Amino acid sequence: MTNGVHLIVDVFAIENEELLKKIDCIYPLANEIIEKAGLTVVNQVHHQFSPHGYTSLYLLSESHMSFHSYPEKRCLSFDLYCCNPNLDVKEVLHYIHMYFDKPKINHRVVYR
């Protein structure tokens, strides 16, 4: 029995490292994923690190989503667990790929 899908993504070789420095840079991508995937935000916590980098966590009625940026390494870690096993993983990966202008992406999908 499948309860949901867990998408784990590492995004590498991000050319525009400005997208990794300030927390408000991730909001457009997060909002697009939330809207297009039909997710419901229950709560959210964001932290801006000094001098740069961020962590952004979304508590969803469907589970959770997180972003962790590493500007010094030009990479981002993304995690989405959704209790809807019909989540369109390819669509979410497409949004990430387009937002960061075609970076290298490693991902893993786990059905739970």
PDB file of N, CA and C in Angstrom:
ATOM      1  N   MET A   1       0.843  -1.187   0.000  1.00  0.00           N
ATOM      2  CA  MET A   1       0.000   0.000   0.000  1.00  0.00           C
ATOM      3  C   MET A   1       0.882   1.243   0.000  1.00  0.00           C
ATOM      4  N   THR A   2       0.606   2.172  -0.893  1.00  0.00           N
ATOM      5  CA  THR A   2       1.384   3.404  -0.985  1.00  0.00           C
ATOM      6  C   THR A   2       0.622   4.540  -0.310  1.00  0.00           C
ATOM      7  N   ASN A   3       1.293   5.200   0.626  1.00  0.00           N
ATOM      8  CA  ASN A   3       0.697   6.345   1.318  1.00  0.00           C
ATOM      9  C   ASN A   3       1.062   7.666   0.678  1.00  0.00           C
ATOM     10  N   GLY A   4       2.159   7.685  -0.056  1.00  0.00           N
ATOM     11  CA  GLY A   4       2.584   8.942  -0.659  1.00  0.00           C
ATOM     12  C   GLY A   4       3.892   8.794  -1.392  1.00  0.00           C
ATOM     13  N   VAL A   5       4.379   9.934  -1.844  1.00  0.00           N
ATOM     14  CA  VAL A   5       5.619   9.973  -2.614  1.00  0.00           C
ATOM     15  C   VAL A   5       6.582  10.953  -1.943  1.00  0.00           C
ATOM     16  N   HIS A   6       7.837  10.534  -1.856  1.00  0.00           N
ATOM     17  CA  HIS A   6       8.890  11.358  -1.261  1.00  0.00           C
ATOM     18  C   HIS A   6       9.901  11.674  -2.359  1.00  0.00           C
ATOM     19  N   LEU A   7       9.992  12.949  -2.711  1.00  0.00           N
ATOM     20  CA  LEU A   7      10.910  13.413  -3.745  1.00  0.00           C
ATOM     21  C   LEU A   7      12.094  14.097  -3.068  1.00  0.00           C
ATOM     22  N   ILE A   8      13.280  13.578  -3.311  1.00  0.00           N
ATOM     23  CA  ILE A   8      14.513  14.115  -2.728  1.00  0.00           C
ATOM     24  C   ILE A   8      15.387  14.582  -3.889  1.00  0.00           C
ATOM     25  N   VAL A   9      15.752  15.867  -3.879  1.00  0.00           N
ATOM     26  CA  VAL A   9      16.453  16.456  -5.026  1.00  0.00           C
ATOM     27  C   VAL A   9      17.690  17.225  -4.563  1.00  0.00           C
ATOM     28  N   ASP A  10      18.787  17.017  -5.252  1.00  0.00           N
ATOM     29  CA  ASP A  10      19.984  17.842  -5.095  1.00  0.00           C
ATOM     30  C   ASP A  10      20.199  18.559  -6.414  1.00  0.00           C
ATOM     31  N   VAL A  11      20.305  19.885  -6.338  1.00  0.00           N
ATOM     32  CA  VAL A  11      20.475  20.727  -7.522  1.00  0.00           C
ATOM     33  C   VAL A  11      21.901  21.275  -7.486  1.00  0.00           C
ATOM     34  N   PHE A  12      22.676  21.007  -8.550  1.00  0.00           N
ATOM     35  CA  PHE A  12      24.085  21.390  -8.593  1.00  0.00           C
ATOM     36  C   PHE A  12      24.366  22.349  -9.754  1.00  0.00           C
ATOM     37  N   ALA A  13      25.518  22.967  -9.690  1.00  0.00           N
ATOM     38  CA  ALA A  13      26.010  23.813 -10.788  1.00  0.00           C
ATOM     39  C   ALA A  13      25.013  24.915 -11.133  1.00  0.00           C
ATOM     40  N   ILE A  14      24.473  25.550 -10.103  1.00  0.00           N
ATOM     41  CA  ILE A  14      23.535  26.647 -10.308  1.00  0.00           C
ATOM     42  C   ILE A  14      24.338  27.884 -10.698  1.00  0.00           C
ATOM     43  N   GLU A  15      24.119  28.359 -11.907  1.00  0.00           N
ATOM     44  CA  GLU A  15      24.891  29.489 -12.434  1.00  0.00           C
ATOM     45  C   GLU A  15      24.629  30.785 -11.672  1.00  0.00           C
ATOM     46  N   ASN A  16      23.350  31.073 -11.410  1.00  0.00           N
ATOM     47  CA  ASN A  16      22.996  32.312 -10.732  1.00  0.00           C
ATOM     48  C   ASN A  16      22.975  32.079  -9.230  1.00  0.00           C
ATOM     49  N   GLU A  17      24.133  32.223  -8.600  1.00  0.00           N
ATOM     50  CA  GLU A  17      24.206  31.946  -7.162  1.00  0.00           C
ATOM     51  C   GLU A  17      23.434  32.963  -6.323  1.00  0.00           C
ATOM     52  N   GLU A  18      23.002  34.071  -6.930  1.00  0.00           N
ATOM     53  CA  GLU A  18      22.162  35.042  -6.211  1.00  0.00           C
ATOM     54  C   GLU A  18      20.852  34.386  -5.769  1.00  0.00           C
ATOM     55  N   LEU A  19      20.378  33.396  -6.534  1.00  0.00           N
ATOM     56  CA  LEU A  19      19.148  32.686  -6.177  1.00  0.00           C
ATOM     57  C   LEU A  19      19.308  31.845  -4.916  1.00  0.00           C
ATOM     58  N   LEU A  20      20.546  31.669  -4.483  1.00  0.00           N
ATOM     59  CA  LEU A  20      20.834  30.850  -3.312  1.00  0.00           C
ATOM     60  C   LEU A  20      21.173  31.672  -2.078  1.00  0.00           C
ATOM     61  N   LYS A  21      21.320  32.965  -2.235  1.00  0.00           N
ATOM     62  CA  LYS A  21      21.786  33.806  -1.130  1.00  0.00           C
ATOM     63  C   LYS A  21      20.682  34.345  -0.237  1.00  0.00           C
ATOM     64  N   LYS A  22      19.613  34.829  -0.810  1.00  0.00           N
ATOM     65  CA  LYS A  22      18.542  35.496  -0.050  1.00  0.00           C
ATOM     66  C   LYS A  22      17.282  34.651  -0.040  1.00  0.00           C
ATOM     67  N   ILE A  23      16.677  34.531   1.115  1.00  0.00           N
ATOM     68  CA  ILE A  23      15.506  33.679   1.304  1.00  0.00           C
ATOM     69  C   ILE A  23      14.357  34.017   0.365  1.00  0.00           C
ATOM     70  N   ASP A  24      14.162  35.292   0.080  1.00  0.00           N
ATOM     71  CA  ASP A  24      13.012  35.655  -0.758  1.00  0.00           C
ATOM     72  C   ASP A  24      13.177  35.187  -2.205  1.00  0.00           C
ATOM     73  N   CYS A  25      14.373  34.755  -2.583  1.00  0.00           N
ATOM     74  CA  CYS A  25      14.597  34.251  -3.950  1.00  0.00           C
ATOM     75  C   CYS A  25      13.935  32.896  -4.180  1.00  0.00           C
ATOM     76  N   ILE A  26      13.679  32.142  -3.123  1.00  0.00           N
ATOM     77  CA  ILE A  26      13.099  30.809  -3.305  1.00  0.00           C
ATOM     78  C   ILE A  26      11.574  30.854  -3.313  1.00  0.00           C
ATOM     79  N   TYR A  27      10.986  31.932  -2.844  1.00  0.00           N
ATOM     80  CA  TYR A  27       9.524  32.012  -2.755  1.00  0.00           C
ATOM     81  C   TYR A  27       8.809  31.803  -4.089  1.00  0.00           C
ATOM     82  N   PRO A  28       9.275  32.393  -5.196  1.00  0.00           N
ATOM     83  CA  PRO A  28       8.562  32.149  -6.462  1.00  0.00           C
ATOM     84  C   PRO A  28       8.508  30.664  -6.840  1.00  0.00           C
ATOM     85  N   LEU A  29       9.613  29.952  -6.665  1.00  0.00           N
ATOM     86  CA  LEU A  29       9.631  28.528  -6.973  1.00  0.00           C
ATOM     87  C   LEU A  29       8.728  27.764  -6.011  1.00  0.00           C
ATOM     88  N   ALA A  30       8.840  28.048  -4.731  1.00  0.00           N
ATOM     89  CA  ALA A  30       8.009  27.363  -3.735  1.00  0.00           C
ATOM     90  C   ALA A  30       6.529  27.586  -4.026  1.00  0.00           C
ATOM     91  N   ASN A  31       6.165  28.828  -4.312  1.00  0.00           N
ATOM     92  CA  ASN A  31       4.762  29.140  -4.593  1.00  0.00           C
ATOM     93  C   ASN A  31       4.259  28.428  -5.841  1.00  0.00           C
ATOM     94  N   GLU A  32       5.100  28.325  -6.855  1.00  0.00           N
ATOM     95  CA  GLU A  32       4.699  27.641  -8.085  1.00  0.00           C
ATOM     96  C   GLU A  32       4.464  26.149  -7.826  1.00  0.00           C
ATOM     97  N   ILE A  33       5.371  25.525  -7.088  1.00  0.00           N
ATOM     98  CA  ILE A  33       5.207  24.103  -6.768  1.00  0.00           C
ATOM     99  C   ILE A  33       3.938  23.898  -5.949  1.00  0.00           C
ATOM    100  N   ILE A  34       3.734  24.740  -4.946  1.00  0.00           N
ATOM    101  CA  ILE A  34       2.546  24.631  -4.090  1.00  0.00           C
ATOM    102  C   ILE A  34       1.274  24.773  -4.916  1.00  0.00           C
ATOM    103  N   GLU A  35       1.237  25.776  -5.772  1.00  0.00           N
ATOM    104  CA  GLU A  35       0.038  26.027  -6.575  1.00  0.00           C
ATOM    105  C   GLU A  35      -0.208  24.913  -7.589  1.00  0.00           C
ATOM    106  N   LYS A  36       0.801  24.579  -8.376  1.00  0.00           N
ATOM    107  CA  LYS A  36       0.628  23.618  -9.470  1.00  0.00           C
ATOM    108  C   LYS A  36       0.382  22.195  -8.962  1.00  0.00           C
ATOM    109  N   ALA A  37       0.946  21.856  -7.805  1.00  0.00           N
ATOM    110  CA  ALA A  37       0.760  20.517  -7.250  1.00  0.00           C
ATOM    111  C   ALA A  37      -0.492  20.430  -6.373  1.00  0.00           C
ATOM    112  N   GLY A  38      -1.157  21.568  -6.170  1.00  0.00           N
ATOM    113  CA  GLY A  38      -2.367  21.576  -5.362  1.00  0.00           C
ATOM    114  C   GLY A  38      -2.106  21.294  -3.892  1.00  0.00           C
ATOM    115  N   LEU A  39      -0.981  21.797  -3.382  1.00  0.00           N
ATOM    116  CA  LEU A  39      -0.611  21.585  -1.991  1.00  0.00           C
ATOM    117  C   LEU A  39      -1.230  22.665  -1.102  1.00  0.00           C
ATOM    118  N   THR A  40      -1.406  22.344   0.172  1.00  0.00           N
ATOM    119  CA  THR A  40      -2.008  23.275   1.127  1.00  0.00           C
ATOM    120  C   THR A  40      -1.007  23.568   2.240  1.00  0.00           C
ATOM    121  N   VAL A  41      -0.580  24.814   2.363  1.00  0.00           N
ATOM    122  CA  VAL A  41       0.367  25.216   3.398  1.00  0.00           C
ATOM    123  C   VAL A  41      -0.379  25.422   4.712  1.00  0.00           C
ATOM    124  N   VAL A  42       0.079  24.726   5.747  1.00  0.00           N
ATOM    125  CA  VAL A  42      -0.484  24.856   7.089  1.00  0.00           C
ATOM    126  C   VAL A  42       0.339  25.865   7.888  1.00  0.00           C
ATOM    127  N   ASN A  43       1.657  25.812   7.696  1.00  0.00           N
ATOM    128  CA  ASN A  43       2.567  26.728   8.395  1.00  0.00           C
ATOM    129  C   ASN A  43       3.879  26.752   7.626  1.00  0.00           C
ATOM    130  N   GLN A  44       4.701  27.750   7.920  1.00  0.00           N
ATOM    131  CA  GLN A  44       6.006  27.835   7.268  1.00  0.00           C
ATOM    132  C   GLN A  44       6.997  28.539   8.177  1.00  0.00           C
ATOM    133  N   VAL A  45       8.258  28.148   8.039  1.00  0.00           N
ATOM    134  CA  VAL A  45       9.353  28.739   8.801  1.00  0.00           C
ATOM    135  C   VAL A  45      10.494  28.961   7.824  1.00  0.00           C
ATOM    136  N   HIS A  46      11.085  30.146   7.881  1.00  0.00           N
ATOM    137  CA  HIS A  46      12.190  30.483   6.982  1.00  0.00           C
ATOM    138  C   HIS A  46      13.331  31.050   7.825  1.00  0.00           C
ATOM    139  N   HIS A  47      14.545  30.712   7.456  1.00  0.00           N
ATOM    140  CA  HIS A  47      15.696  31.263   8.164  1.00  0.00           C
ATOM    141  C   HIS A  47      16.743  31.721   7.163  1.00  0.00           C
ATOM    142  N   GLN A  48      17.156  32.980   7.310  1.00  0.00           N
ATOM    143  CA  GLN A  48      18.218  33.563   6.493  1.00  0.00           C
ATOM    144  C   GLN A  48      19.521  33.446   7.264  1.00  0.00           C
ATOM    145  N   PHE A  49      20.501  32.768   6.691  1.00  0.00           N
ATOM    146  CA  PHE A  49      21.804  32.652   7.337  1.00  0.00           C
ATOM    147  C   PHE A  49      22.674  33.850   6.975  1.00  0.00           C
ATOM    148  N   SER A  50      23.670  34.120   7.821  1.00  0.00           N
ATOM    149  CA  SER A  50      24.593  35.223   7.587  1.00  0.00           C
ATOM    150  C   SER A  50      25.965  34.632   7.278  1.00  0.00           C
ATOM    151  N   PRO A  51      26.622  35.040   6.227  1.00  0.00           N
ATOM    152  CA  PRO A  51      26.312  36.174   5.370  1.00  0.00           C
ATOM    153  C   PRO A  51      25.304  35.856   4.270  1.00  0.00           C
ATOM    154  N   HIS A  52      25.067  34.557   3.977  1.00  0.00           N
ATOM    155  CA  HIS A  52      24.111  34.212   2.935  1.00  0.00           C
ATOM    156  C   HIS A  52      23.710  32.740   3.067  1.00  0.00           C
ATOM    157  N   GLY A  53      22.656  32.388   2.378  1.00  0.00           N
ATOM    158  CA  GLY A  53      22.122  31.031   2.438  1.00  0.00           C
ATOM    159  C   GLY A  53      20.841  31.024   3.256  1.00  0.00           C
ATOM    160  N   TYR A  54      20.040  29.989   3.064  1.00  0.00           N
ATOM    161  CA  TYR A  54      18.759  29.941   3.759  1.00  0.00           C
ATOM    162  C   TYR A  54      18.253  28.508   3.887  1.00  0.00           C
ATOM    163  N   THR A  55      17.298  28.374   4.797  1.00  0.00           N
ATOM    164  CA  THR A  55      16.492  27.176   4.932  1.00  0.00           C
ATOM    165  C   THR A  55      15.052  27.628   4.942  1.00  0.00           C
ATOM    166  N   SER A  56      14.229  26.940   4.179  1.00  0.00           N
ATOM    167  CA  SER A  56      12.817  27.277   4.077  1.00  0.00           C
ATOM    168  C   SER A  56      12.008  25.990   4.237  1.00  0.00           C
ATOM    169  N   LEU A  57      11.125  25.963   5.234  1.00  0.00           N
ATOM    170  CA  LEU A  57      10.333  24.769   5.527  1.00  0.00           C
ATOM    171  C   LEU A  57       8.850  25.079   5.431  1.00  0.00           C
ATOM    172  N   TYR A  58       8.137  24.190   4.788  1.00  0.00           N
ATOM    173  CA  TYR A  58       6.691  24.330   4.655  1.00  0.00           C
ATOM    174  C   TYR A  58       6.029  23.092   5.262  1.00  0.00           C
ATOM    175  N   LEU A  59       5.167  23.317   6.228  1.00  0.00           N
ATOM    176  CA  LEU A  59       4.337  22.251   6.758  1.00  0.00           C
ATOM    177  C   LEU A  59       3.077  22.235   5.905  1.00  0.00           C
ATOM    178  N   LEU A  60       2.814  21.124   5.288  1.00  0.00           N
ATOM    179  CA  LEU A  60       1.679  20.997   4.372  1.00  0.00           C
ATOM    180  C   LEU A  60       0.627  20.084   4.983  1.00  0.00           C
ATOM    181  N   SER A  61      -0.618  20.290   4.629  1.00  0.00           N
ATOM    182  CA  SER A  61      -1.631  19.327   5.073  1.00  0.00           C
ATOM    183  C   SER A  61      -1.343  17.973   4.439  1.00  0.00           C
ATOM    184  N   GLU A  62      -0.611  17.980   3.319  1.00  0.00           N
ATOM    185  CA  GLU A  62      -0.195  16.751   2.636  1.00  0.00           C
ATOM    186  C   GLU A  62       1.132  16.206   3.156  1.00  0.00           C
ATOM    187  N   SER A  63       1.849  16.933   3.983  1.00  0.00           N
ATOM    188  CA  SER A  63       3.074  16.538   4.667  1.00  0.00           C
ATOM    189  C   SER A  63       4.053  17.708   4.781  1.00  0.00           C
ATOM    190  N   HIS A  64       5.179  17.708   3.990  1.00  0.00           N
ATOM    191  CA  HIS A  64       6.162  18.791   4.148  1.00  0.00           C
ATOM    192  C   HIS A  64       6.972  19.028   2.870  1.00  0.00           C
ATOM    193  N   MET A  65       7.602  20.216   2.823  1.00  0.00           N
ATOM    194  CA  MET A  65       8.494  20.591   1.722  1.00  0.00           C
ATOM    195  C   MET A  65       9.598  21.453   2.320  1.00  0.00           C
ATOM    196  N   SER A  66      10.839  21.238   1.873  1.00  0.00           N
ATOM    197  CA  SER A  66      11.946  22.044   2.391  1.00  0.00           C
ATOM    198  C   SER A  66      12.962  22.382   1.306  1.00  0.00           C
ATOM    199  N   PHE A  67      13.628  23.514   1.514  1.00  0.00           N
ATOM    200  CA  PHE A  67      14.710  23.985   0.657  1.00  0.00           C
ATOM    201  C   PHE A  67      15.883  24.350   1.558  1.00  0.00           C
ATOM    202  N   HIS A  68      17.086  23.958   1.178  1.00  0.00           N
ATOM    203  CA  HIS A  68      18.309  24.331   1.901  1.00  0.00           C
ATOM    204  C   HIS A  68      19.322  24.783   0.857  1.00  0.00           C
ATOM    205  N   SER A  69      19.771  26.034   0.945  1.00  0.00           N
ATOM    206  CA  SER A  69      20.702  26.541  -0.068  1.00  0.00           C
ATOM    207  C   SER A  69      22.137  26.567   0.454  1.00  0.00           C
ATOM    208  N   TYR A  70      23.058  26.382  -0.484  1.00  0.00           N
ATOM    209  CA  TYR A  70      24.496  26.396  -0.209  1.00  0.00           C
ATOM    210  C   TYR A  70      25.170  27.232  -1.300  1.00  0.00           C
ATOM    211  N   PRO A  71      25.108  28.564  -1.177  1.00  0.00           N
ATOM    212  CA  PRO A  71      25.647  29.428  -2.240  1.00  0.00           C
ATOM    213  C   PRO A  71      27.128  29.197  -2.522  1.00  0.00           C
ATOM    214  N   GLU A  72      27.890  28.894  -1.485  1.00  0.00           N
ATOM    215  CA  GLU A  72      29.326  28.703  -1.668  1.00  0.00           C
ATOM    216  C   GLU A  72      29.631  27.463  -2.513  1.00  0.00           C
ATOM    217  N   LYS A  73      28.671  26.545  -2.594  1.00  0.00           N
ATOM    218  CA  LYS A  73      28.831  25.332  -3.396  1.00  0.00           C
ATOM    219  C   LYS A  73      27.957  25.351  -4.647  1.00  0.00           C
ATOM    220  N   ARG A  74      27.179  26.445  -4.802  1.00  0.00           N
ATOM    221  CA  ARG A  74      26.260  26.619  -5.939  1.00  0.00           C
ATOM    222  C   ARG A  74      25.265  25.451  -6.036  1.00  0.00           C
ATOM    223  N   CYS A  75      24.726  25.057  -4.868  1.00  0.00           N
ATOM    224  CA  CYS A  75      23.771  23.956  -4.869  1.00  0.00           C
ATOM    225  C   CYS A  75      22.626  24.194  -3.886  1.00  0.00           C
ATOM    226  N   LEU A  76      21.590  23.389  -4.063  1.00  0.00           N
ATOM    227  CA  LEU A  76      20.390  23.483  -3.242  1.00  0.00           C
ATOM    228  C   LEU A  76      19.868  22.069  -3.010  1.00  0.00           C
ATOM    229  N   SER A  77      19.417  21.809  -1.795  1.00  0.00           N
ATOM    230  CA  SER A  77      18.767  20.536  -1.479  1.00  0.00           C
ATOM    231  C   SER A  77      17.277  20.803  -1.315  1.00  0.00           C
ATOM    232  N   PHE A  78      16.474  19.933  -1.920  1.00  0.00           N
ATOM    233  CA  PHE A  78      15.020  20.076  -1.906  1.00  0.00           C
ATOM    234  C   PHE A  78      14.411  18.744  -1.494  1.00  0.00           C
ATOM    235  N   ASP A  79      13.364  18.821  -0.693  1.00  0.00           N
ATOM    236  CA  ASP A  79      12.700  17.630  -0.195  1.00  0.00           C
ATOM    237  C   ASP A  79      11.201  17.885  -0.190  1.00  0.00           C
ATOM    238  N   LEU A  80      10.436  16.965  -0.752  1.00  0.00           N
ATOM    239  CA  LEU A  80       8.980  17.077  -0.741  1.00  0.00           C
ATOM    240  C   LEU A  80       8.398  15.703  -0.462  1.00  0.00           C
ATOM    241  N   TYR A  81       7.682  15.603   0.642  1.00  0.00           N
ATOM    242  CA  TYR A  81       6.924  14.399   0.919  1.00  0.00           C
ATOM    243  C   TYR A  81       5.460  14.763   0.820  1.00  0.00           C
ATOM    244  N   CYS A  82       4.727  14.029   0.016  1.00  0.00           N
ATOM    245  CA  CYS A  82       3.330  14.327  -0.248  1.00  0.00           C
ATOM    246  C   CYS A  82       2.519  13.044  -0.086  1.00  0.00           C
ATOM    247  N   CYS A  83       1.481  13.101   0.726  1.00  0.00           N
ATOM    248  CA  CYS A  83       0.675  11.891   0.946  1.00  0.00           C
ATOM    249  C   CYS A  83      -0.243  11.581  -0.231  1.00  0.00           C
ATOM    250  N   ASN A  84      -0.162  12.387  -1.288  1.00  0.00           N
ATOM    251  CA  ASN A  84      -0.892  12.086  -2.515  1.00  0.00           C
ATOM    252  C   ASN A  84       0.050  11.307  -3.431  1.00  0.00           C
ATOM    253  N   PRO A  85      -0.137   9.991  -3.570  1.00  0.00           N
ATOM    254  CA  PRO A  85       0.784   9.201  -4.395  1.00  0.00           C
ATOM    255  C   PRO A  85       0.712   9.555  -5.880  1.00  0.00           C
ATOM    256  N   ASN A  86      -0.234  10.403  -6.263  1.00  0.00           N
ATOM    257  CA  ASN A  86      -0.365  10.819  -7.658  1.00  0.00           C
ATOM    258  C   ASN A  86       0.356  12.137  -7.955  1.00  0.00           C
ATOM    259  N   LEU A  87       1.164  12.610  -7.017  1.00  0.00           N
ATOM    260  CA  LEU A  87       1.952  13.823  -7.245  1.00  0.00           C
ATOM    261  C   LEU A  87       2.722  13.670  -8.554  1.00  0.00           C
ATOM    262  N   ASP A  88       2.677  14.706  -9.393  1.00  0.00           N
ATOM    263  CA  ASP A  88       3.397  14.675 -10.669  1.00  0.00           C
ATOM    264  C   ASP A  88       4.854  15.069 -10.422  1.00  0.00           C
ATOM    265  N   VAL A  89       5.671  14.081 -10.147  1.00  0.00           N
ATOM    266  CA  VAL A  89       7.086  14.294  -9.836  1.00  0.00           C
ATOM    267  C   VAL A  89       7.808  14.957 -11.000  1.00  0.00           C
ATOM    268  N   LYS A  90       7.509  14.541 -12.227  1.00  0.00           N
ATOM    269  CA  LYS A  90       8.167  15.120 -13.399  1.00  0.00           C
ATOM    270  C   LYS A  90       7.868  16.606 -13.512  1.00  0.00           C
ATOM    271  N   GLU A  91       6.657  17.005 -13.167  1.00  0.00           N
ATOM    272  CA  GLU A  91       6.292  18.416 -13.223  1.00  0.00           C
ATOM    273  C   GLU A  91       7.078  19.223 -12.191  1.00  0.00           C
ATOM    274  N   VAL A  92       7.192  18.718 -10.974  1.00  0.00           N
ATOM    275  CA  VAL A  92       7.965  19.402  -9.928  1.00  0.00           C
ATOM    276  C   VAL A  92       9.419  19.522 -10.348  1.00  0.00           C
ATOM    277  N   LEU A  93      10.000  18.451 -10.876  1.00  0.00           N
ATOM    278  CA  LEU A  93      11.388  18.500 -11.345  1.00  0.00           C
ATOM    279  C   LEU A  93      11.553  19.506 -12.482  1.00  0.00           C
ATOM    280  N   HIS A  94      10.557  19.594 -13.345  1.00  0.00           N
ATOM    281  CA  HIS A  94      10.594  20.567 -14.442  1.00  0.00           C
ATOM    282  C   HIS A  94      10.644  21.994 -13.893  1.00  0.00           C
ATOM    283  N   TYR A  95       9.819  22.320 -12.901  1.00  0.00           N
ATOM    284  CA  TYR A  95       9.823  23.671 -12.313  1.00  0.00           C
ATOM    285  C   TYR A  95      11.192  24.004 -11.722  1.00  0.00           C
ATOM    286  N   ILE A  96      11.778  23.049 -11.026  1.00  0.00           N
ATOM    287  CA  ILE A  96      13.101  23.271 -10.431  1.00  0.00           C
ATOM    288  C   ILE A  96      14.135  23.487 -11.534  1.00  0.00           C
ATOM    289  N   HIS A  97      14.093  22.650 -12.528  1.00  0.00           N
ATOM    290  CA  HIS A  97      15.039  22.727 -13.644  1.00  0.00           C
ATOM    291  C   HIS A  97      14.959  24.079 -14.353  1.00  0.00           C
ATOM    292  N   MET A  98      13.764  24.555 -14.594  1.00  0.00           N
ATOM    293  CA  MET A  98      13.567  25.834 -15.290  1.00  0.00           C
ATOM    294  C   MET A  98      13.924  27.020 -14.395  1.00  0.00           C
ATOM    295  N   TYR A  99      13.583  26.945 -13.119  1.00  0.00           N
ATOM    296  CA  TYR A  99      13.831  28.067 -12.211  1.00  0.00           C
ATOM    297  C   TYR A  99      15.327  28.366 -12.091  1.00  0.00           C
ATOM    298  N   PHE A 100      16.121  27.331 -12.021  1.00  0.00           N
ATOM    299  CA  PHE A 100      17.568  27.511 -11.871  1.00  0.00           C
ATOM    300  C   PHE A 100      18.306  27.480 -13.208  1.00  0.00           C
ATOM    301  N   ASP A 101      17.583  27.618 -14.298  1.00  0.00           N
ATOM    302  CA  ASP A 101      18.149  27.718 -15.641  1.00  0.00           C
ATOM    303  C   ASP A 101      18.977  26.492 -16.014  1.00  0.00           C
ATOM    304  N   LYS A 102      18.336  25.345 -15.896  1.00  0.00           N
ATOM    305  CA  LYS A 102      18.882  24.070 -16.358  1.00  0.00           C
ATOM    306  C   LYS A 102      20.172  23.641 -15.656  1.00  0.00           C
ATOM    307  N   PRO A 103      20.119  23.518 -14.340  1.00  0.00           N
ATOM    308  CA  PRO A 103      21.289  23.026 -13.599  1.00  0.00           C
ATOM    309  C   PRO A 103      21.371  21.505 -13.688  1.00  0.00           C
ATOM    310  N   LYS A 104      22.376  20.950 -13.075  1.00  0.00           N
ATOM    311  CA  LYS A 104      22.455  19.494 -12.934  1.00  0.00           C
ATOM    312  C   LYS A 104      21.558  19.105 -11.758  1.00  0.00           C
ATOM    313  N   ILE A 105      20.802  18.043 -11.935  1.00  0.00           N
ATOM    314  CA  ILE A 105      19.880  17.600 -10.885  1.00  0.00           C
ATOM    315  C   ILE A 105      20.042  16.104 -10.657  1.00  0.00           C
ATOM    316  N   ASN A 106      20.198  15.738  -9.397  1.00  0.00           N
ATOM    317  CA  ASN A 106      20.125  14.341  -8.979  1.00  0.00           C
ATOM    318  C   ASN A 106      18.868  14.222  -8.137  1.00  0.00           C
ATOM    319  N   HIS A 107      18.080  13.199  -8.392  1.00  0.00           N
ATOM    320  CA  HIS A 107      16.872  13.051  -7.579  1.00  0.00           C
ATOM    321  C   HIS A 107      16.586  11.577  -7.308  1.00  0.00           C
ATOM    322  N   ARG A 108      15.791  11.401  -6.287  1.00  0.00           N
ATOM    323  CA  ARG A 108      15.369  10.066  -5.890  1.00  0.00           C
ATOM    324  C   ARG A 108      13.900  10.146  -5.500  1.00  0.00           C
ATOM    325  N   VAL A 109      13.133   9.187  -5.929  1.00  0.00           N
ATOM    326  CA  VAL A 109      11.717   9.134  -5.588  1.00  0.00           C
ATOM    327  C   VAL A 109      11.492   7.859  -4.780  1.00  0.00           C
ATOM    328  N   VAL A 110      10.872   8.037  -3.627  1.00  0.00           N
ATOM    329  CA  VAL A 110      10.568   6.900  -2.757  1.00  0.00           C
ATOM    330  C   VAL A 110       9.058   6.873  -2.541  1.00  0.00           C
ATOM    331  N   TYR A 111       8.438   5.757  -2.879  1.00  0.00           N
ATOM    332  CA  TYR A 111       7.007   5.585  -2.615  1.00  0.00           C
ATOM    333  C   TYR A 111       6.874   4.906  -1.267  1.00  0.00           C
ATOM    334  N   ARG A 112       6.117   5.538  -0.398  1.00  0.00           N
ATOM    335  CA  ARG A 112       5.992   5.037   0.984  1.00  0.00           C
ATOM    336  C   ARG A 112       4.608   4.493   1.235  1.00  0.00           C
TER     337      ARG A 112
END
